Amino acid sequence: MKAITNTEHIPSIKAELANKDWLIACLCAAWCDTCNTYRTAFDSLAQQHADKCFAWIDIEDQAHLVDEVDIQDFPTILIQYRDQVIFLGTVLPDQMQLQRLLASMTEHTPGADIKRSTLNQDAPQGWNIRQLILAT
């Protein structure tokens, strides 16, 4: 399975989501220097995890996807399995930290009782970025 090469191209992300259960999204802003520096590491992880859909969501250009979420800092990572938000929170802009987070969150298929991280920011009730992307 090949990973998408342009993780911000919504039609490509939409096509990926049709075949993949996991969505890993970085919610950032084009003006954020930290985000711009982190982009290379994020895209590198996308290449290493071709079984998951990676998306780079600019919170201003794609505001309709994140209007319901209070982005507190950058980079904010979303890990979603099908329609379940597993993790939503700010992380250090470090590839190894995201790699460890992915491993811990995705090593088992989530069940009804999802073990959430204490770092998790509350996602709004009913908010589902996967469905919002698919509806785009």
C-alpha atoms as a PDB file:
ATOM      1  CA  MET A   1       0.000   0.000   0.000  1.00  0.00           C
ATOM      2  CA  LYS A   2       1.461   3.339  -1.035  1.00  0.00           C
ATOM      3  CA  ALA A   3       1.206   6.439   1.163  1.00  0.00           C
ATOM      4  CA  ILE A   4      -0.005   9.691  -0.317  1.00  0.00           C
ATOM      5  CA  THR A   5       2.768  12.103  -1.150  1.00  0.00           C
ATOM      6  CA  ASN A   6       0.824  15.342  -0.723  1.00  0.00           C
ATOM      7  CA  THR A   7      -0.735  15.088   2.718  1.00  0.00           C
ATOM      8  CA  GLU A   8      -2.573  18.413   2.360  1.00  0.00           C
ATOM      9  CA  HIS A   9      -4.404  17.645  -0.893  1.00  0.00           C
ATOM     10  CA  ILE A  10      -7.984  17.013   0.270  1.00  0.00           C
ATOM     11  CA  PRO A  11      -9.064  14.916  -2.771  1.00  0.00           C
ATOM     12  CA  SER A  12      -6.061  12.600  -2.184  1.00  0.00           C
ATOM     13  CA  ILE A  13      -6.840  12.377   1.524  1.00  0.00           C
ATOM     14  CA  LYS A  14     -10.475  11.599   0.719  1.00  0.00           C
ATOM     15  CA  ALA A  15      -9.422   8.777  -1.620  1.00  0.00           C
ATOM     16  CA  GLU A  16      -7.084   7.374   1.051  1.00  0.00           C
ATOM     17  CA  LEU A  17      -9.798   7.439   3.718  1.00  0.00           C
ATOM     18  CA  ALA A  18     -12.040   5.287   1.565  1.00  0.00           C
ATOM     19  CA  ASN A  19      -9.571   2.394   2.042  1.00  0.00           C
ATOM     20  CA  LYS A  20      -7.985   3.024   5.442  1.00  0.00           C
ATOM     21  CA  ASP A  21      -9.335   2.856   8.977  1.00  0.00           C
ATOM     22  CA  TRP A  22      -6.738   5.122  10.618  1.00  0.00           C
ATOM     23  CA  LEU A  23      -6.513   8.869  10.115  1.00  0.00           C
ATOM     24  CA  ILE A  24      -3.493  10.737  11.483  1.00  0.00           C
ATOM     25  CA  ALA A  25      -3.919  14.483  11.042  1.00  0.00           C
ATOM     26  CA  CYS A  26      -1.679  17.378  11.961  1.00  0.00           C
ATOM     27  CA  LEU A  27      -3.724  20.511  12.575  1.00  0.00           C
ATOM     28  CA  CYS A  28      -1.437  23.460  11.884  1.00  0.00           C
ATOM     29  CA  ALA A  29      -1.219  26.873  10.269  1.00  0.00           C
ATOM     30  CA  ALA A  30       0.878  28.046   7.324  1.00  0.00           C
ATOM     31  CA  TRP A  31       2.219  31.001   9.321  1.00  0.00           C
ATOM     32  CA  CYS A  32       3.500  28.743  12.143  1.00  0.00           C
ATOM     33  CA  ASP A  33       7.281  28.277  11.900  1.00  0.00           C
ATOM     34  CA  THR A  34       7.133  25.276  14.248  1.00  0.00           C
ATOM     35  CA  CYS A  35       4.588  23.597  11.970  1.00  0.00           C
ATOM     36  CA  ASN A  36       6.628  24.321   8.867  1.00  0.00           C
ATOM     37  CA  THR A  37       9.700  22.766  10.484  1.00  0.00           C
ATOM     38  CA  TYR A  38       7.680  19.752  11.656  1.00  0.00           C
ATOM     39  CA  ARG A  39       6.203  19.093   8.207  1.00  0.00           C
ATOM     40  CA  THR A  40       9.189  17.071   6.968  1.00  0.00           C
ATOM     41  CA  ALA A  41       9.050  14.726   9.971  1.00  0.00           C
ATOM     42  CA  PHE A  42       5.274  14.297   9.615  1.00  0.00           C
ATOM     43  CA  ASP A  43       5.534  13.467   5.915  1.00  0.00           C
ATOM     44  CA  SER A  44       8.366  11.033   6.666  1.00  0.00           C
ATOM     45  CA  LEU A  45       6.105   9.178   9.112  1.00  0.00           C
ATOM     46  CA  ALA A  46       3.407   9.079   6.448  1.00  0.00           C
ATOM     47  CA  GLN A  47       5.821   7.213   4.188  1.00  0.00           C
ATOM     48  CA  GLN A  48       6.624   4.737   6.996  1.00  0.00           C
ATOM     49  CA  HIS A  49       2.953   4.050   7.765  1.00  0.00           C
ATOM     50  CA  ALA A  50       1.377   3.506   4.372  1.00  0.00           C
ATOM     51  CA  ASP A  51      -1.456   1.565   6.029  1.00  0.00           C
ATOM     52  CA  LYS A  52      -2.714   4.799   7.638  1.00  0.00           C
ATOM     53  CA  CYS A  53      -4.032   7.998   6.081  1.00  0.00           C
ATOM     54  CA  PHE A  54      -1.973  11.056   7.010  1.00  0.00           C
ATOM     55  CA  ALA A  55      -3.424  14.536   6.540  1.00  0.00           C
ATOM     56  CA  TRP A  56      -1.881  17.962   6.980  1.00  0.00           C
ATOM     57  CA  ILE A  57      -4.812  20.239   7.781  1.00  0.00           C
ATOM     58  CA  ASP A  58      -4.245  23.983   7.684  1.00  0.00           C
ATOM     59  CA  ILE A  59      -6.717  25.314  10.239  1.00  0.00           C
ATOM     60  CA  GLU A  60      -7.271  28.474   8.200  1.00  0.00           C
ATOM     61  CA  ASP A  61      -7.416  27.046   4.680  1.00  0.00           C
ATOM     62  CA  GLN A  62      -9.551  24.103   5.844  1.00  0.00           C
ATOM     63  CA  ALA A  63     -11.398  25.895   8.656  1.00  0.00           C
ATOM     64  CA  HIS A  64     -14.653  24.033   7.922  1.00  0.00           C
ATOM     65  CA  LEU A  65     -12.973  20.828   9.132  1.00  0.00           C
ATOM     66  CA  VAL A  66     -11.885  22.217  12.504  1.00  0.00           C
ATOM     67  CA  ASP A  67     -14.385  24.989  13.329  1.00  0.00           C
ATOM     68  CA  GLU A  68     -15.743  22.981  16.272  1.00  0.00           C
ATOM     69  CA  VAL A  69     -12.300  22.373  17.811  1.00  0.00           C
ATOM     70  CA  ASP A  70     -10.404  24.753  20.070  1.00  0.00           C
ATOM     71  CA  ILE A  71      -6.835  24.470  18.790  1.00  0.00           C
ATOM     72  CA  GLN A  72      -4.745  25.452  21.791  1.00  0.00           C
ATOM     73  CA  ASP A  73      -1.231  25.156  20.366  1.00  0.00           C
ATOM     74  CA  PHE A  74       0.763  23.717  17.475  1.00  0.00           C
ATOM     75  CA  PRO A  75       1.298  21.102  16.322  1.00  0.00           C
ATOM     76  CA  THR A  76      -2.017  19.525  17.312  1.00  0.00           C
ATOM     77  CA  ILE A  77      -2.322  15.866  16.359  1.00  0.00           C
ATOM     78  CA  LEU A  78      -5.539  13.961  15.746  1.00  0.00           C
ATOM     79  CA  ILE A  79      -5.530  10.166  15.721  1.00  0.00           C
ATOM     80  CA  GLN A  80      -8.854   8.739  14.629  1.00  0.00           C
ATOM     81  CA  TYR A  81      -9.885   5.110  14.064  1.00  0.00           C
ATOM     82  CA  ARG A  82     -12.878   4.965  11.764  1.00  0.00           C
ATOM     83  CA  ASP A  83     -15.354   7.325  13.487  1.00  0.00           C
ATOM     84  CA  GLN A  84     -13.658   7.328  16.919  1.00  0.00           C
ATOM     85  CA  VAL A  85     -11.298  10.096  17.976  1.00  0.00           C
ATOM     86  CA  ILE A  86      -8.552   8.246  19.844  1.00  0.00           C
ATOM     87  CA  PHE A  87      -6.262  11.219  20.485  1.00  0.00           C
ATOM     88  CA  LEU A  88      -6.498  14.965  20.000  1.00  0.00           C
ATOM     89  CA  GLY A  89      -3.820  17.116  21.537  1.00  0.00           C
ATOM     90  CA  THR A  90      -0.694  19.193  21.219  1.00  0.00           C
ATOM     91  CA  VAL A  91       2.579  17.308  20.880  1.00  0.00           C
ATOM     92  CA  LEU A  92       6.200  18.332  20.757  1.00  0.00           C
ATOM     93  CA  PRO A  93       7.372  18.798  17.166  1.00  0.00           C
ATOM     94  CA  ASP A  94       9.448  15.628  17.367  1.00  0.00           C
ATOM     95  CA  GLN A  95       9.150  12.707  14.960  1.00  0.00           C
ATOM     96  CA  MET A  96      10.049  10.111  17.583  1.00  0.00           C
ATOM     97  CA  GLN A  97       7.364  11.365  19.963  1.00  0.00           C
ATOM     98  CA  LEU A  98       4.704  11.018  17.277  1.00  0.00           C
ATOM     99  CA  GLN A  99       6.117   7.602  16.331  1.00  0.00           C
ATOM    100  CA  ARG A 100       5.761   6.409  19.951  1.00  0.00           C
ATOM    101  CA  LEU A 101       2.289   7.933  20.228  1.00  0.00           C
ATOM    102  CA  LEU A 102       1.209   6.169  17.038  1.00  0.00           C
ATOM    103  CA  ALA A 103       2.590   2.869  18.255  1.00  0.00           C
ATOM    104  CA  SER A 104       0.801   3.138  21.593  1.00  0.00           C
ATOM    105  CA  MET A 105      -2.513   4.237  20.093  1.00  0.00           C
ATOM    106  CA  THR A 106      -2.621   1.927  17.085  1.00  0.00           C
ATOM    107  CA  GLU A 107      -1.089  -1.331  18.291  1.00  0.00           C
ATOM    108  CA  HIS A 108      -4.534  -2.787  18.987  1.00  0.00           C
ATOM    109  CA  THR A 109      -7.769  -2.232  17.133  1.00  0.00           C
ATOM    110  CA  PRO A 110      -9.857  -0.015  19.400  1.00  0.00           C
ATOM    111  CA  GLY A 111     -12.923  -1.515  21.005  1.00  0.00           C
ATOM    112  CA  ALA A 112     -15.862   0.085  22.733  1.00  0.00           C
ATOM    113  CA  ASP A 113     -13.676   1.063  25.693  1.00  0.00           C
ATOM    114  CA  ILE A 114     -11.004   3.271  24.206  1.00  0.00           C
ATOM    115  CA  LYS A 115      -8.115   4.000  26.512  1.00  0.00           C
ATOM    116  CA  ARG A 116      -7.528   7.707  26.073  1.00  0.00           C
ATOM    117  CA  SER A 117      -4.336   9.532  26.922  1.00  0.00           C
ATOM    118  CA  THR A 118      -4.397  12.038  29.770  1.00  0.00           C
ATOM    119  CA  LEU A 119      -2.907  14.459  27.250  1.00  0.00           C
ATOM    120  CA  ASN A 120      -6.085  14.189  25.194  1.00  0.00           C
ATOM    121  CA  GLN A 121      -7.920  17.396  24.533  1.00  0.00           C
ATOM    122  CA  ASP A 122     -11.668  16.899  24.538  1.00  0.00           C
ATOM    123  CA  ALA A 123     -13.054  16.562  21.038  1.00  0.00           C
ATOM    124  CA  PRO A 124     -16.501  18.103  20.658  1.00  0.00           C
ATOM    125  CA  GLN A 125     -19.362  15.618  20.929  1.00  0.00           C
ATOM    126  CA  GLY A 126     -20.149  14.249  17.479  1.00  0.00           C
ATOM    127  CA  TRP A 127     -17.166  15.921  15.776  1.00  0.00           C
ATOM    128  CA  ASN A 128     -15.743  13.602  13.138  1.00  0.00           C
ATOM    129  CA  ILE A 129     -13.073  15.025  10.853  1.00  0.00           C
ATOM    130  CA  ARG A 130     -13.052  11.822   8.793  1.00  0.00           C
ATOM    131  CA  GLN A 131     -16.726  12.298   7.889  1.00  0.00           C
ATOM    132  CA  LEU A 132     -16.157  15.994   7.221  1.00  0.00           C
ATOM    133  CA  ILE A 133     -13.335  15.170   4.786  1.00  0.00           C
ATOM    134  CA  LEU A 134     -15.377  12.461   3.070  1.00  0.00           C
ATOM    135  CA  ALA A 135     -18.276  14.922   2.667  1.00  0.00           C
ATOM    136  CA  THR A 136     -15.994  17.512   1.031  1.00  0.00           C
END
